[in-house]
């Protein structure tokens, strides 16, 4: 009788851990935990993130070039 109850407890714990560990939406962008789309598809989110990052890098590059020109004492045409 004791062995059977221990088996049931172990089986129940294993089943619960398995259910909580398998989340199909874990780590994906653009999908909320209930499985409904937010506003955009994950591919669209990635595309926009890439555009934002490239714009940010361009601004950073322009700023650094401006500082470099100022430091060297030359003026752009």
PDB file of N, CA and C in Angstrom:
ATOM      1  N   UNK A   1       0.824  -1.193   0.000  1.00  0.00           N
ATOM      2  CA  UNK A   1       0.000   0.000   0.000  1.00  0.00           C
ATOM      3  C   UNK A   1       0.872   1.263   0.000  1.00  0.00           C
ATOM      4  N   UNK A   2       1.949   1.262   0.795  1.00  0.00           N
ATOM      5  CA  UNK A   2       2.839   2.411   0.883  1.00  0.00           C
ATOM      6  C   UNK A   2       3.582   2.612  -0.433  1.00  0.00           C
ATOM      7  N   UNK A   3       3.980   1.516  -1.054  1.00  0.00           N
ATOM      8  CA  UNK A   3       4.715   1.586  -2.319  1.00  0.00           C
ATOM      9  C   UNK A   3       3.828   2.181  -3.407  1.00  0.00           C
ATOM     10  N   UNK A   4       2.588   1.804  -3.426  1.00  0.00           N
ATOM     11  CA  UNK A   4       1.656   2.292  -4.440  1.00  0.00           C
ATOM     12  C   UNK A   4       1.430   3.796  -4.297  1.00  0.00           C
ATOM     13  N   UNK A   5       1.311   4.306  -3.074  1.00  0.00           N
ATOM     14  CA  UNK A   5       1.104   5.737  -2.872  1.00  0.00           C
ATOM     15  C   UNK A   5       2.357   6.532  -3.252  1.00  0.00           C
ATOM     16  N   UNK A   6       3.541   5.954  -2.974  1.00  0.00           N
ATOM     17  CA  UNK A   6       4.787   6.619  -3.370  1.00  0.00           C
ATOM     18  C   UNK A   6       4.877   6.706  -4.887  1.00  0.00           C
ATOM     19  N   UNK A   7       4.465   5.646  -5.577  1.00  0.00           N
ATOM     20  CA  UNK A   7       4.470   5.653  -7.042  1.00  0.00           C
ATOM     21  C   UNK A   7       3.534   6.729  -7.582  1.00  0.00           C
ATOM     22  N   UNK A   8       2.373   6.845  -6.962  1.00  0.00           N
ATOM     23  CA  UNK A   8       1.404   7.858  -7.401  1.00  0.00           C
ATOM     24  C   UNK A   8       1.961   9.269  -7.204  1.00  0.00           C
ATOM     25  N   UNK A   9       2.623   9.507  -6.096  1.00  0.00           N
ATOM     26  CA  UNK A   9       3.203  10.828  -5.823  1.00  0.00           C
ATOM     27  C   UNK A   9       4.298  11.138  -6.832  1.00  0.00           C
ATOM     28  N   UNK A  10       5.172  10.180  -7.082  1.00  0.00           N
ATOM     29  CA  UNK A  10       6.260  10.383  -8.048  1.00  0.00           C
ATOM     30  C   UNK A  10       5.689  10.622  -9.445  1.00  0.00           C
ATOM     31  N   UNK A  11       4.701   9.817  -9.826  1.00  0.00           N
ATOM     32  CA  UNK A  11       4.079   9.973 -11.147  1.00  0.00           C
ATOM     33  C   UNK A  11       3.415  11.345 -11.280  1.00  0.00           C
ATOM     34  N   UNK A  12       2.708  11.775 -10.247  1.00  0.00           N
ATOM     35  CA  UNK A  12       2.032  13.072 -10.276  1.00  0.00           C
ATOM     36  C   UNK A  12       3.038  14.213 -10.378  1.00  0.00           C
ATOM     37  N   UNK A  13       4.106  14.142  -9.585  1.00  0.00           N
ATOM     38  CA  UNK A  13       5.140  15.185  -9.645  1.00  0.00           C
ATOM     39  C   UNK A  13       5.798  15.235 -11.018  1.00  0.00           C
ATOM     40  N   UNK A  14       6.092  14.076 -11.581  1.00  0.00           N
ATOM     41  CA  UNK A  14       6.702  14.018 -12.910  1.00  0.00           C
ATOM     42  C   UNK A  14       5.764  14.614 -13.957  1.00  0.00           C
ATOM     43  N   UNK A  15       4.507  14.286 -13.871  1.00  0.00           N
ATOM     44  CA  UNK A  15       3.512  14.797 -14.812  1.00  0.00           C
ATOM     45  C   UNK A  15       3.382  16.325 -14.697  1.00  0.00           C
ATOM     46  N   UNK A  16       3.353  16.834 -13.489  1.00  0.00           N
ATOM     47  CA  UNK A  16       3.266  18.283 -13.281  1.00  0.00           C
ATOM     48  C   UNK A  16       4.505  19.006 -13.825  1.00  0.00           C
ATOM     49  N   UNK A  17       5.675  18.473 -13.540  1.00  0.00           N
ATOM     50  CA  UNK A  17       6.908  19.085 -14.052  1.00  0.00           C
ATOM     51  C   UNK A  17       6.931  19.084 -15.570  1.00  0.00           C
ATOM     52  N   UNK A  18       6.486  17.991 -16.162  1.00  0.00           N
ATOM     53  CA  UNK A  18       6.448  17.904 -17.620  1.00  0.00           C
ATOM     54  C   UNK A  18       5.497  18.941 -18.210  1.00  0.00           C
ATOM     55  N   UNK A  19       4.339  19.103 -17.581  1.00  0.00           N
ATOM     56  CA  UNK A  19       3.347  20.073 -18.078  1.00  0.00           C
ATOM     57  C   UNK A  19       3.862  21.504 -17.980  1.00  0.00           C
ATOM     58  N   UNK A  20       4.549  21.819 -16.900  1.00  0.00           N
ATOM     59  CA  UNK A  20       5.045  23.186 -16.730  1.00  0.00           C
ATOM     60  C   UNK A  20       6.293  23.456 -17.570  1.00  0.00           C
ATOM     61  N   UNK A  21       7.056  22.434 -17.892  1.00  0.00           N
ATOM     62  CA  UNK A  21       8.297  22.612 -18.642  1.00  0.00           C
ATOM     63  C   UNK A  21       8.034  22.782 -20.135  1.00  0.00           C
ATOM     64  N   UNK A  22       6.971  22.213 -20.654  1.00  0.00           N
ATOM     65  CA  UNK A  22       6.702  22.254 -22.097  1.00  0.00           C
ATOM     66  C   UNK A  22       5.788  23.418 -22.426  1.00  0.00           C
ATOM     67  N   UNK A  23       6.377  24.555 -22.708  1.00  0.00           N
ATOM     68  CA  UNK A  23       5.615  25.730 -23.097  1.00  0.00           C
ATOM     69  C   UNK A  23       5.954  26.044 -24.547  1.00  0.00           C
ATOM     70  N   UNK A  24       5.038  25.844 -25.492  1.00  0.00           N
ATOM     71  CA  UNK A  24       5.356  26.051 -26.906  1.00  0.00           C
ATOM     72  C   UNK A  24       5.649  27.502 -27.258  1.00  0.00           C
ATOM     73  N   UNK A  25       5.228  28.448 -26.428  1.00  0.00           N
ATOM     74  CA  UNK A  25       5.416  29.862 -26.745  1.00  0.00           C
ATOM     75  C   UNK A  25       6.606  30.468 -26.026  1.00  0.00           C
ATOM     76  N   UNK A  26       7.337  29.652 -25.290  1.00  0.00           N
ATOM     77  CA  UNK A  26       8.470  30.151 -24.527  1.00  0.00           C
ATOM     78  C   UNK A  26       9.584  30.582 -25.474  1.00  0.00           C
ATOM     79  N   UNK A  27      10.033  31.823 -25.353  1.00  0.00           N
ATOM     80  CA  UNK A  27      11.156  32.303 -26.151  1.00  0.00           C
ATOM     81  C   UNK A  27      10.785  32.857 -27.502  1.00  0.00           C
ATOM     82  N   UNK A  28       9.532  32.802 -27.904  1.00  0.00           N
ATOM     83  CA  UNK A  28       9.174  33.361 -29.202  1.00  0.00           C
ATOM     84  C   UNK A  28       8.627  34.765 -29.025  1.00  0.00           C
ATOM     85  N   UNK A  29       8.951  35.629 -29.965  1.00  0.00           N
ATOM     86  CA  UNK A  29       8.499  37.017 -29.868  1.00  0.00           C
ATOM     87  C   UNK A  29       7.166  37.173 -30.581  1.00  0.00           C
ATOM     88  N   UNK A  30       6.381  38.123 -30.116  1.00  0.00           N
ATOM     89  CA  UNK A  30       5.140  38.455 -30.792  1.00  0.00           C
ATOM     90  C   UNK A  30       3.961  37.586 -30.398  1.00  0.00           C
ATOM     91  N   UNK A  31       4.145  36.667 -29.482  1.00  0.00           N
ATOM     92  CA  UNK A  31       3.048  35.798 -29.059  1.00  0.00           C
ATOM     93  C   UNK A  31       2.943  35.876 -27.546  1.00  0.00           C
ATOM     94  N   UNK A  32       1.755  36.142 -27.061  1.00  0.00           N
ATOM     95  CA  UNK A  32       1.589  36.193 -25.616  1.00  0.00           C
ATOM     96  C   UNK A  32       1.386  34.781 -25.077  1.00  0.00           C
ATOM     97  N   UNK A  33       1.477  34.569 -23.769  1.00  0.00           N
ATOM     98  CA  UNK A  33       1.397  33.212 -23.221  1.00  0.00           C
ATOM     99  C   UNK A  33       0.096  32.473 -23.519  1.00  0.00           C
ATOM    100  N   UNK A  34      -0.979  33.176 -23.806  1.00  0.00           N
ATOM    101  CA  UNK A  34      -2.237  32.495 -24.081  1.00  0.00           C
ATOM    102  C   UNK A  34      -2.309  31.987 -25.517  1.00  0.00           C
ATOM    103  N   UNK A  35      -1.319  32.318 -26.331  1.00  0.00           N
ATOM    104  CA  UNK A  35      -1.279  31.788 -27.685  1.00  0.00           C
ATOM    105  C   UNK A  35      -1.903  32.684 -28.729  1.00  0.00           C
ATOM    106  N   UNK A  36      -2.334  33.867 -28.333  1.00  0.00           N
ATOM    107  CA  UNK A  36      -2.943  34.779 -29.298  1.00  0.00           C
ATOM    108  C   UNK A  36      -1.885  35.758 -29.791  1.00  0.00           C
ATOM    109  N   UNK A  37      -2.008  36.151 -31.030  1.00  0.00           N
ATOM    110  CA  UNK A  37      -1.053  37.102 -31.575  1.00  0.00           C
ATOM    111  C   UNK A  37      -1.249  38.457 -30.918  1.00  0.00           C
ATOM    112  N   UNK A  38      -0.153  39.163 -30.738  1.00  0.00           N
ATOM    113  CA  UNK A  38      -0.250  40.512 -30.204  1.00  0.00           C
ATOM    114  C   UNK A  38      -0.595  41.399 -31.394  1.00  0.00           C
ATOM    115  N   UNK A  39       0.298  42.189 -31.894  1.00  0.00           N
ATOM    116  CA  UNK A  39      -0.011  43.027 -33.039  1.00  0.00           C
ATOM    117  C   UNK A  39       0.705  42.570 -34.300  1.00  0.00           C
ATOM    118  N   UNK A  40       1.884  41.991 -34.126  1.00  0.00           N
ATOM    119  CA  UNK A  40       2.719  41.673 -35.275  1.00  0.00           C
ATOM    120  C   UNK A  40       3.227  40.240 -35.199  1.00  0.00           C
ATOM    121  N   UNK A  41       3.565  39.729 -36.362  1.00  0.00           N
ATOM    122  CA  UNK A  41       4.147  38.387 -36.420  1.00  0.00           C
ATOM    123  C   UNK A  41       5.581  38.436 -35.896  1.00  0.00           C
ATOM    124  N   UNK A  42       6.118  37.321 -35.404  1.00  0.00           N
ATOM    125  CA  UNK A  42       7.498  37.307 -34.917  1.00  0.00           C
ATOM    126  C   UNK A  42       8.517  37.735 -35.972  1.00  0.00           C
ATOM    127  N   UNK A  43       8.271  37.357 -37.229  1.00  0.00           N
ATOM    128  CA  UNK A  43       9.208  37.753 -38.287  1.00  0.00           C
ATOM    129  C   UNK A  43       9.195  39.266 -38.486  1.00  0.00           C
ATOM    130  N   UNK A  44       8.010  39.869 -38.363  1.00  0.00           N
ATOM    131  CA  UNK A  44       7.902  41.327 -38.497  1.00  0.00           C
ATOM    132  C   UNK A  44       8.619  42.024 -37.356  1.00  0.00           C
ATOM    133  N   UNK A  45       8.486  41.467 -36.150  1.00  0.00           N
ATOM    134  CA  UNK A  45       9.179  42.037 -34.987  1.00  0.00           C
ATOM    135  C   UNK A  45      10.691  41.998 -35.191  1.00  0.00           C
ATOM    136  N   UNK A  46      11.198  40.862 -35.680  1.00  0.00           N
ATOM    137  CA  UNK A  46      12.636  40.736 -35.918  1.00  0.00           C
ATOM    138  C   UNK A  46      13.106  41.719 -36.980  1.00  0.00           C
ATOM    139  N   UNK A  47      12.303  41.899 -38.013  1.00  0.00           N
ATOM    140  CA  UNK A  47      12.645  42.834 -39.092  1.00  0.00           C
ATOM    141  C   UNK A  47      12.750  44.257 -38.546  1.00  0.00           C
ATOM    142  N   UNK A  48      11.782  44.639 -37.725  1.00  0.00           N
ATOM    143  CA  UNK A  48      11.796  45.986 -37.152  1.00  0.00           C
ATOM    144  C   UNK A  48      12.945  46.164 -36.169  1.00  0.00           C
ATOM    145  N   UNK A  49      13.239  45.139 -35.399  1.00  0.00           N
ATOM    146  CA  UNK A  49      14.366  45.211 -34.470  1.00  0.00           C
ATOM    147  C   UNK A  49      15.677  45.406 -35.223  1.00  0.00           C
ATOM    148  N   UNK A  50      15.814  44.723 -36.352  1.00  0.00           N
ATOM    149  CA  UNK A  50      17.024  44.870 -37.173  1.00  0.00           C
ATOM    150  C   UNK A  50      17.133  46.290 -37.720  1.00  0.00           C
ATOM    151  N   UNK A  51      16.010  46.835 -38.177  1.00  0.00           N
ATOM    152  CA  UNK A  51      16.017  48.212 -38.706  1.00  0.00           C
ATOM    153  C   UNK A  51      16.404  49.209 -37.610  1.00  0.00           C
ATOM    154  N   UNK A  52      15.842  49.027 -36.419  1.00  0.00           N
ATOM    155  CA  UNK A  52      16.165  49.919 -35.307  1.00  0.00           C
ATOM    156  C   UNK A  52      17.641  49.842 -34.950  1.00  0.00           C
ATOM    157  N   UNK A  53      18.166  48.628 -34.916  1.00  0.00           N
ATOM    158  CA  UNK A  53      19.577  48.442 -34.557  1.00  0.00           C
ATOM    159  C   UNK A  53      20.487  49.063 -35.602  1.00  0.00           C
ATOM    160  N   UNK A  54      20.143  48.920 -36.880  1.00  0.00           N
ATOM    161  CA  UNK A  54      20.997  49.491 -37.924  1.00  0.00           C
ATOM    162  C   UNK A  54      20.939  51.020 -37.900  1.00  0.00           C
ATOM    163  N   UNK A  55      19.780  51.590 -37.626  1.00  0.00           N
ATOM    164  CA  UNK A  55      19.671  53.050 -37.507  1.00  0.00           C
ATOM    165  C   UNK A  55      20.512  53.561 -36.340  1.00  0.00           C
ATOM    166  N   UNK A  56      20.450  52.831 -35.232  1.00  0.00           N
ATOM    167  CA  UNK A  56      21.210  53.213 -34.042  1.00  0.00           C
ATOM    168  C   UNK A  56      22.706  53.178 -34.332  1.00  0.00           C
ATOM    169  N   UNK A  57      23.153  52.145 -35.042  1.00  0.00           N
ATOM    170  CA  UNK A  57      24.576  52.041 -35.389  1.00  0.00           C
ATOM    171  C   UNK A  57      24.997  53.169 -36.331  1.00  0.00           C
ATOM    172  N   UNK A  58      24.131  53.538 -37.268  1.00  0.00           N
ATOM    173  CA  UNK A  58      24.442  54.646 -38.178  1.00  0.00           C
ATOM    174  C   UNK A  58      24.596  55.959 -37.403  1.00  0.00           C
ATOM    175  N   UNK A  59      23.690  56.218 -36.474  1.00  0.00           N
ATOM    176  CA  UNK A  59      23.782  57.438 -35.658  1.00  0.00           C
ATOM    177  C   UNK A  59      25.071  57.442 -34.844  1.00  0.00           C
ATOM    178  N   UNK A  60      25.391  56.282 -34.268  1.00  0.00           N
ATOM    179  CA  UNK A  60      26.611  56.168 -33.476  1.00  0.00           C
ATOM    180  C   UNK A  60      27.846  56.437 -34.335  1.00  0.00           C
ATOM    181  N   UNK A  61      27.854  55.883 -35.546  1.00  0.00           N
ATOM    182  CA  UNK A  61      28.976  56.075 -36.466  1.00  0.00           C
ATOM    183  C   UNK A  61      29.117  57.549 -36.848  1.00  0.00           C
ATOM    184  N   UNK A  62      27.997  58.198 -37.162  1.00  0.00           N
ATOM    185  CA  UNK A  62      28.040  59.618 -37.540  1.00  0.00           C
ATOM    186  C   UNK A  62      28.556  60.477 -36.394  1.00  0.00           C
ATOM    187  N   UNK A  63      28.107  60.162 -35.175  1.00  0.00           N
ATOM    188  CA  UNK A  63      28.576  60.914 -34.016  1.00  0.00           C
ATOM    189  C   UNK A  63      30.075  60.744 -33.813  1.00  0.00           C
ATOM    190  N   UNK A  64      30.540  59.515 -33.952  1.00  0.00           N
ATOM    191  CA  UNK A  64      31.979  59.280 -33.751  1.00  0.00           C
ATOM    192  C   UNK A  64      32.806  59.964 -34.830  1.00  0.00           C
ATOM    193  N   UNK A  65      32.311  59.986 -36.059  1.00  0.00           N
ATOM    194  CA  UNK A  65      33.032  60.670 -37.141  1.00  0.00           C
ATOM    195  C   UNK A  65      33.051  62.181 -36.910  1.00  0.00           C
ATOM    196  N   UNK A  66      31.951  62.703 -36.391  1.00  0.00           N
ATOM    197  CA  UNK A  66      31.878  64.131 -36.095  1.00  0.00           C
ATOM    198  C   UNK A  66      32.897  64.497 -35.010  1.00  0.00           C
ATOM    199  N   UNK A  67      32.969  63.668 -33.971  1.00  0.00           N
ATOM    200  CA  UNK A  67      33.944  63.907 -32.905  1.00  0.00           C
ATOM    201  C   UNK A  67      35.370  63.812 -33.436  1.00  0.00           C
ATOM    202  N   UNK A  68      35.592  62.853 -34.319  1.00  0.00           N
ATOM    203  CA  UNK A  68      36.931  62.661 -34.891  1.00  0.00           C
ATOM    204  C   UNK A  68      37.351  63.877 -35.707  1.00  0.00           C
ATOM    205  N   UNK A  69      36.414  64.369 -36.549  1.00  0.00           N
ATOM    206  CA  UNK A  69      36.718  65.550 -37.359  1.00  0.00           C
ATOM    207  C   UNK A  69      37.005  66.766 -36.475  1.00  0.00           C
ATOM    208  N   UNK A  70      36.218  66.894 -35.410  1.00  0.00           N
ATOM    209  CA  UNK A  70      36.406  68.017 -34.495  1.00  0.00           C
ATOM    210  C   UNK A  70      37.759  67.919 -33.792  1.00  0.00           C
ATOM    211  N   UNK A  71      38.126  66.708 -33.393  1.00  0.00           N
ATOM    212  CA  UNK A  71      39.390  66.485 -32.693  1.00  0.00           C
ATOM    213  C   UNK A  71      40.580  66.738 -33.611  1.00  0.00           C
ATOM    214  N   UNK A  72      40.448  66.417 -34.884  1.00  0.00           N
ATOM    215  CA  UNK A  72      41.555  66.583 -35.811  1.00  0.00           C
ATOM    216  C   UNK A  72      41.643  68.018 -36.363  1.00  0.00           C
ATOM    217  N   UNK A  73      40.629  68.797 -36.107  1.00  0.00           N
ATOM    218  CA  UNK A  73      40.658  70.184 -36.520  1.00  0.00           C
ATOM    219  C   UNK A  73      40.284  70.435 -37.969  1.00  0.00           C
ATOM    220  N   UNK A  74      39.647  69.478 -38.609  1.00  0.00           N
ATOM    221  CA  UNK A  74      39.211  69.685 -39.998  1.00  0.00           C
ATOM    222  C   UNK A  74      37.712  69.867 -40.019  1.00  0.00           C
ATOM    223  N   UNK A  75      37.212  70.456 -41.070  1.00  0.00           N
ATOM    224  CA  UNK A  75      35.771  70.666 -41.217  1.00  0.00           C
ATOM    225  C   UNK A  75      35.270  69.890 -42.422  1.00  0.00           C
ATOM    226  N   UNK A  76      34.092  69.301 -42.311  1.00  0.00           N
ATOM    227  CA  UNK A  76      33.541  68.577 -43.465  1.00  0.00           C
ATOM    228  C   UNK A  76      33.110  69.549 -44.561  1.00  0.00           C
ATOM    229  N   UNK A  77      33.118  69.077 -45.811  1.00  0.00           N
ATOM    230  CA  UNK A  77      32.721  69.935 -46.939  1.00  0.00           C
ATOM    231  C   UNK A  77      31.247  70.228 -46.958  1.00  0.00           C
TER     232      UNK A  77
END
